Amino acid sequence: MKYLIFTIYLLDYLTGFSQKDTTLYGFIDSATYKEVELPALPGGGEETWKRFLQKNLHYPSSAKKQHIEGKVVLYFTVYADWTTGDYKIVNSLSADLDNEAIRLASTFPLWVPAVKDGQHVNFRRSLEIEFPFRNK
């Protein structure tokens, strides 16, 4: 019994030294950075992103019926090869609004990767998408 308790204690102690960062993003693997010289940005800048949202944001009818409004916050990775993935909702309003936020982020035509030491790198970024309720 002593050995079992000691083994459990030892395993618990050793797992405390893992290299996962769970404080901000849930996890960041060894190929994804938090600190870079230039963060990942929408191609064309923030104005292009805002125009894209105005043109492409579709307010789900279920959310309209329930008068749900607010911000969906998500994290996702912009990879060094200019693709995106690993979407995670961290502030949810409803499943339909969450899905719409992921759809918008994933269909934006160009996310520019972050730069670290002069090289494109994987970068975990956050994104807030506002869903204002408008009764039309």
C-alpha atoms as a PDB file:
ATOM      1  CA  MET A   1       0.000   0.000   0.000  1.00  0.00           C
ATOM      2  CA  LYS A   2       2.880   2.360   0.821  1.00  0.00           C
ATOM      3  CA  TYR A   3       4.345   1.740  -2.619  1.00  0.00           C
ATOM      4  CA  LEU A   4       1.051   2.503  -4.326  1.00  0.00           C
ATOM      5  CA  ILE A   5       0.671   5.801  -2.492  1.00  0.00           C
ATOM      6  CA  PHE A   6       4.312   6.676  -3.171  1.00  0.00           C
ATOM      7  CA  THR A   7       3.909   5.849  -6.886  1.00  0.00           C
ATOM      8  CA  ILE A   8       0.770   7.982  -7.193  1.00  0.00           C
ATOM      9  CA  TYR A   9       2.494  10.856  -5.398  1.00  0.00           C
ATOM     10  CA  LEU A  10       5.579  10.525  -7.610  1.00  0.00           C
ATOM     11  CA  LEU A  11       3.523  10.480 -10.820  1.00  0.00           C
ATOM     12  CA  ASP A  12       1.550  13.518  -9.685  1.00  0.00           C
ATOM     13  CA  TYR A  13       4.781  15.332  -8.835  1.00  0.00           C
ATOM     14  CA  LEU A  14       6.446  14.512 -12.159  1.00  0.00           C
ATOM     15  CA  THR A  15       3.456  15.536 -14.281  1.00  0.00           C
ATOM     16  CA  GLY A  16       3.764  18.998 -12.747  1.00  0.00           C
ATOM     17  CA  PHE A  17       6.849  19.482 -14.911  1.00  0.00           C
ATOM     18  CA  SER A  18       5.111  18.893 -18.229  1.00  0.00           C
ATOM     19  CA  GLN A  19       5.645  21.484 -20.950  1.00  0.00           C
ATOM     20  CA  LYS A  20       2.011  22.299 -21.544  1.00  0.00           C
ATOM     21  CA  ASP A  21       0.858  25.881 -21.086  1.00  0.00           C
ATOM     22  CA  THR A  22      -2.658  25.704 -19.727  1.00  0.00           C
ATOM     23  CA  THR A  23      -2.862  29.223 -18.325  1.00  0.00           C
ATOM     24  CA  LEU A  24      -3.986  31.055 -21.441  1.00  0.00           C
ATOM     25  CA  TYR A  25      -4.863  28.857 -24.382  1.00  0.00           C
ATOM     26  CA  GLY A  26      -5.590  25.427 -23.001  1.00  0.00           C
ATOM     27  CA  PHE A  27      -2.359  24.201 -24.543  1.00  0.00           C
ATOM     28  CA  ILE A  28       0.430  25.253 -26.841  1.00  0.00           C
ATOM     29  CA  ASP A  29       2.615  22.619 -28.355  1.00  0.00           C
ATOM     30  CA  SER A  30       6.322  23.077 -28.930  1.00  0.00           C
ATOM     31  CA  ALA A  31       5.730  24.426 -32.466  1.00  0.00           C
ATOM     32  CA  THR A  32       3.171  27.117 -31.559  1.00  0.00           C
ATOM     33  CA  TYR A  33       4.289  30.458 -30.173  1.00  0.00           C
ATOM     34  CA  LYS A  34       2.732  33.058 -27.882  1.00  0.00           C
ATOM     35  CA  GLU A  35       5.512  35.626 -28.064  1.00  0.00           C
ATOM     36  CA  VAL A  36       6.582  36.780 -31.519  1.00  0.00           C
ATOM     37  CA  GLU A  37       7.935  39.878 -33.254  1.00  0.00           C
ATOM     38  CA  LEU A  38       4.845  40.272 -35.439  1.00  0.00           C
ATOM     39  CA  PRO A  39       1.576  38.526 -34.499  1.00  0.00           C
ATOM     40  CA  ALA A  40      -0.664  36.789 -37.007  1.00  0.00           C
ATOM     41  CA  LEU A  41      -2.983  39.298 -38.653  1.00  0.00           C
ATOM     42  CA  PRO A  42      -5.820  39.310 -41.146  1.00  0.00           C
ATOM     43  CA  GLY A  43      -4.481  39.917 -44.659  1.00  0.00           C
ATOM     44  CA  GLY A  44      -5.285  43.484 -45.666  1.00  0.00           C
ATOM     45  CA  GLY A  45      -5.433  44.606 -42.035  1.00  0.00           C
ATOM     46  CA  GLU A  46      -8.200  45.152 -39.531  1.00  0.00           C
ATOM     47  CA  GLU A  47     -10.290  47.248 -41.949  1.00  0.00           C
ATOM     48  CA  THR A  48     -10.412  44.357 -44.416  1.00  0.00           C
ATOM     49  CA  TRP A  49     -11.501  42.056 -41.578  1.00  0.00           C
ATOM     50  CA  LYS A  50     -14.255  44.506 -40.553  1.00  0.00           C
ATOM     51  CA  ARG A  51     -15.545  44.750 -44.144  1.00  0.00           C
ATOM     52  CA  PHE A  52     -15.503  40.960 -44.391  1.00  0.00           C
ATOM     53  CA  LEU A  53     -17.597  40.714 -41.207  1.00  0.00           C
ATOM     54  CA  GLN A  54     -20.107  43.310 -42.429  1.00  0.00           C
ATOM     55  CA  LYS A  55     -20.547  41.445 -45.693  1.00  0.00           C
ATOM     56  CA  ASN A  56     -20.479  37.836 -44.441  1.00  0.00           C
ATOM     57  CA  LEU A  57     -21.846  37.754 -40.877  1.00  0.00           C
ATOM     58  CA  HIS A  58     -25.133  35.842 -40.812  1.00  0.00           C
ATOM     59  CA  TYR A  59     -27.092  36.096 -37.590  1.00  0.00           C
ATOM     60  CA  PRO A  60     -28.612  32.643 -36.970  1.00  0.00           C
ATOM     61  CA  SER A  61     -32.406  32.700 -36.803  1.00  0.00           C
ATOM     62  CA  SER A  62     -32.388  30.694 -33.554  1.00  0.00           C
ATOM     63  CA  ALA A  63     -30.308  33.431 -31.905  1.00  0.00           C
ATOM     64  CA  LYS A  64     -32.627  36.113 -33.283  1.00  0.00           C
ATOM     65  CA  LYS A  65     -35.657  34.327 -31.841  1.00  0.00           C
ATOM     66  CA  GLN A  66     -33.999  34.187 -28.426  1.00  0.00           C
ATOM     67  CA  HIS A  67     -32.665  37.791 -28.661  1.00  0.00           C
ATOM     68  CA  ILE A  68     -29.116  36.606 -27.979  1.00  0.00           C
ATOM     69  CA  GLU A  69     -26.394  39.196 -28.416  1.00  0.00           C
ATOM     70  CA  GLY A  70     -22.837  39.759 -27.293  1.00  0.00           C
ATOM     71  CA  LYS A  71     -19.314  38.643 -28.160  1.00  0.00           C
ATOM     72  CA  VAL A  72     -18.107  35.197 -29.059  1.00  0.00           C
ATOM     73  CA  VAL A  73     -14.417  34.834 -28.217  1.00  0.00           C
ATOM     74  CA  LEU A  74     -12.394  32.118 -29.869  1.00  0.00           C
ATOM     75  CA  TYR A  75      -8.798  31.026 -30.083  1.00  0.00           C
ATOM     76  CA  PHE A  76      -7.324  29.494 -33.187  1.00  0.00           C
ATOM     77  CA  THR A  77      -3.928  28.826 -34.690  1.00  0.00           C
ATOM     78  CA  VAL A  78      -2.577  30.621 -37.736  1.00  0.00           C
ATOM     79  CA  TYR A  79       0.004  28.204 -39.099  1.00  0.00           C
ATOM     80  CA  ALA A  80       3.288  29.139 -40.737  1.00  0.00           C
ATOM     81  CA  ASP A  81       1.947  27.789 -44.062  1.00  0.00           C
ATOM     82  CA  TRP A  82      -0.823  30.484 -44.035  1.00  0.00           C
ATOM     83  CA  THR A  83      -3.600  28.080 -43.061  1.00  0.00           C
ATOM     84  CA  THR A  84      -5.708  28.113 -39.888  1.00  0.00           C
ATOM     85  CA  GLY A  85      -7.113  25.487 -37.552  1.00  0.00           C
ATOM     86  CA  ASP A  86      -7.577  24.259 -33.998  1.00  0.00           C
ATOM     87  CA  TYR A  87     -10.561  26.507 -33.265  1.00  0.00           C
ATOM     88  CA  LYS A  88     -11.717  26.712 -29.655  1.00  0.00           C
ATOM     89  CA  ILE A  89     -14.556  28.822 -28.283  1.00  0.00           C
ATOM     90  CA  VAL A  90     -13.674  30.403 -24.934  1.00  0.00           C
ATOM     91  CA  ASN A  91     -16.695  32.693 -24.540  1.00  0.00           C
ATOM     92  CA  SER A  92     -19.860  31.105 -25.871  1.00  0.00           C
ATOM     93  CA  LEU A  93     -23.231  32.743 -26.508  1.00  0.00           C
ATOM     94  CA  SER A  94     -25.001  29.809 -28.169  1.00  0.00           C
ATOM     95  CA  ALA A  95     -23.989  26.856 -30.318  1.00  0.00           C
ATOM     96  CA  ASP A  96     -25.274  28.556 -33.488  1.00  0.00           C
ATOM     97  CA  LEU A  97     -23.404  31.806 -32.801  1.00  0.00           C
ATOM     98  CA  ASP A  98     -20.271  29.850 -31.895  1.00  0.00           C
ATOM     99  CA  ASN A  99     -20.486  27.955 -35.186  1.00  0.00           C
ATOM    100  CA  GLU A 100     -20.964  31.215 -37.080  1.00  0.00           C
ATOM    101  CA  ALA A 101     -17.883  32.722 -35.410  1.00  0.00           C
ATOM    102  CA  ILE A 102     -15.797  29.688 -36.387  1.00  0.00           C
ATOM    103  CA  ARG A 103     -17.208  29.814 -39.929  1.00  0.00           C
ATOM    104  CA  LEU A 104     -16.228  33.468 -40.267  1.00  0.00           C
ATOM    105  CA  ALA A 105     -12.693  32.983 -38.952  1.00  0.00           C
ATOM    106  CA  SER A 106     -12.118  29.880 -41.062  1.00  0.00           C
ATOM    107  CA  THR A 107     -13.475  31.333 -44.317  1.00  0.00           C
ATOM    108  CA  PHE A 108     -11.614  34.638 -44.150  1.00  0.00           C
ATOM    109  CA  PRO A 109      -9.458  34.396 -47.269  1.00  0.00           C
ATOM    110  CA  LEU A 110      -6.079  35.303 -45.821  1.00  0.00           C
ATOM    111  CA  TRP A 111      -4.525  35.156 -42.373  1.00  0.00           C
ATOM    112  CA  VAL A 112      -0.897  36.286 -42.407  1.00  0.00           C
ATOM    113  CA  PRO A 113       1.296  34.114 -40.155  1.00  0.00           C
ATOM    114  CA  ALA A 114       3.266  35.495 -37.238  1.00  0.00           C
ATOM    115  CA  VAL A 115       6.981  36.198 -37.540  1.00  0.00           C
ATOM    116  CA  LYS A 116       9.635  35.141 -35.049  1.00  0.00           C
ATOM    117  CA  ASP A 117      13.358  35.456 -35.735  1.00  0.00           C
ATOM    118  CA  GLY A 118      12.572  36.404 -39.339  1.00  0.00           C
ATOM    119  CA  GLN A 119      10.596  33.197 -40.015  1.00  0.00           C
ATOM    120  CA  HIS A 120       6.867  32.495 -40.262  1.00  0.00           C
ATOM    121  CA  VAL A 121       5.745  30.488 -37.232  1.00  0.00           C
ATOM    122  CA  ASN A 122       2.566  28.933 -35.875  1.00  0.00           C
ATOM    123  CA  PHE A 123       0.750  31.403 -33.629  1.00  0.00           C
ATOM    124  CA  ARG A 124      -2.238  31.036 -31.331  1.00  0.00           C
ATOM    125  CA  ARG A 125      -4.428  34.125 -31.487  1.00  0.00           C
ATOM    126  CA  SER A 126      -7.704  35.250 -30.027  1.00  0.00           C
ATOM    127  CA  LEU A 127     -10.579  36.799 -31.904  1.00  0.00           C
ATOM    128  CA  GLU A 128     -13.722  38.524 -30.647  1.00  0.00           C
ATOM    129  CA  ILE A 129     -16.758  38.600 -32.914  1.00  0.00           C
ATOM    130  CA  GLU A 130     -19.596  40.890 -31.896  1.00  0.00           C
ATOM    131  CA  PHE A 131     -23.161  39.732 -32.509  1.00  0.00           C
ATOM    132  CA  PRO A 132     -25.384  42.775 -31.928  1.00  0.00           C
ATOM    133  CA  PHE A 133     -29.098  41.964 -31.846  1.00  0.00           C
ATOM    134  CA  ARG A 134     -31.049  43.920 -34.419  1.00  0.00           C
ATOM    135  CA  ASN A 135     -34.754  43.231 -34.658  1.00  0.00           C
ATOM    136  CA  LYS A 136     -35.499  43.375 -38.391  1.00  0.00           C
END
